[in-house]
């Protein structure tokens, strides 16, 4: 029981942990997932805002540059010099404005910086001028660098009033714009702007990428990540240069064919998530500890009284005189009810046991009386059988003896006749002796269990009822196996066969069956001995079959039966020999004629 109690406790612990830790663990995982997702969404939102801010300002810058031709339309040539000076003054991103002839000669030049070219300089061999002549439309050049500035430069080229304008733009304003952005305090954010050829316009994390004109398209970041993922998506990658895990998102400028990248070190983010996970783990461990302690306390409060109760039940099962342990207590009402019910049950069992013992003694006395009554009935029938069997032999003996006396008186008795007559008298006397032996063996009721031949036992039974068979004109049809040996009580089996036969005889006579048949067959099946006895008396009413073996149950007149024979047979077979007996109605054919009757089946192990 203690082992079972331990198993129950362990099972209770597991269920406590299952229903407390697992939901918390699942909620924690969901919480970490949501926090992580929220953090990622926040990072992506921050990146998107930075990109939008830069994109907006660059678009404004682009619009401002493209607005210059419109400004020139409304002024005459004499005012143009002053307008261009004002543009340089108020537009910090514009360094130089050059006006060229169709041949590429600089006609006017306005600049904030010291440059090598002057008015009259032949600009026709420059790549930017050649490109314009080839495409014949305004454009923004690729970035390039000046010896006078570390910031990259681009030029905007357009034609106005048969003159070619080249506006040199300093992209240093982008550096200032990015530096004015205020990312989250715990983030390490860098911004890169790439032109359509893959050259860095800006890289806040590594300025040498801009100065050395490094190509972004040759980096692993571009090949393994940017080129394989969509815009406005948070991409995780490993920065080999800094040995850090980073996040990057990007956006392309449709009008400039530039690309903006926002990169952020995610070590802080991972640490943040790790800290949350660690705190949740500590909480789960604490809850697990509390759950185990609660489960232990609960299990003890449940199992301990159950163990004591089971111990008392086992003790009571072995010894009904044992007393209930008064120390069994429980704080749970259901267990208190169970304990009180067991105490009540214990008292009831002891009381009922005493009553049952008295009833058993009474039933044993009744069974003894029933058995004796059935025995007396059988003896009465047996004596009647013997009387019938003795009439013919006694008559032969009397006739033979009288014949000898008469022949002796007339002196005609021959020796041969005397010997023949004495032989007849002796044979019939031996027959009478055998009949007395069979009756004596049956009456003395020998209960010695032994192995006997079943066929021989059935022959003895038939010898005892031989006169009854003849007087009632009953045909006995036998199908007996020769080699069946039974370990049991020989005389009691004969008694059972006589009871069943007498029952069949009475029913056959009661129903006035003309061709009276009784079939007896024996065989073995599954190492069991089967004895079947059936008649042709049309069977038993179906509603009466369940009551056939009950004491005093009979369908015959009181003068013909007591209702004890089949009850006694049932007790002898089931209780005495450990076998079984049942009865069913059967329909069968014999000599091409169909009959129906009751069939008794005796099964002996």
Foldseek 3Di string as FASTA:
>chain_A
DVVVLVVVLVVLLVVLCCVFLVVLVVVLVVVLVVVLVVVQVVVLVLQVVLVVLLLVVVVVVVVVVVCVLVVVVVDDPVCVVVVVVVCVVPPVFWAKKFKAALQQFTQDIDGPDDDDDDHRDRRCPPPVNVVCVVPVAWDKADWDDDPVDLAIKIWTWHDDPRIIMITITGPVVSVVSSVPDDDDPLKDKWKWKAAQQQFTNDTPVDSVSNNVRPGNCPDCCCVVPVVVDDASDWDWDADPVVRFIKIKGKDADPVGRMMMMMIITCPSVVVVSVVSVVVSVVVSVVSSVVSSVVSVVVSCLVSVLVVLVVVVVVVCVVPLVDDRDPPRDHPDPVSVVVSVVVNVVSVVCVVVVVVVVVVVVVVVVVVVVLVVVLLVVVLVVLVVLLVLVLPVLVVLLVVLVVVQVVCVVVVNDDPVSVVVSVVSNVVSVVVNVVSVVLSVVLNVQDFDWAKDWPVVLVVSLCVSCVSVCVVLVEDEAEAEDGPDIAGGRSSLVSLLVNLVVLLLSVLCVVLVPPHKYWYWYWDDDPNKIKIKIKIQSQEDPPVCQVVLLPAQDDPDPPVSDRSSSSVSSQCCQCVRQVWGKGKDKDWDDDPNDIGITIMIMIIGD
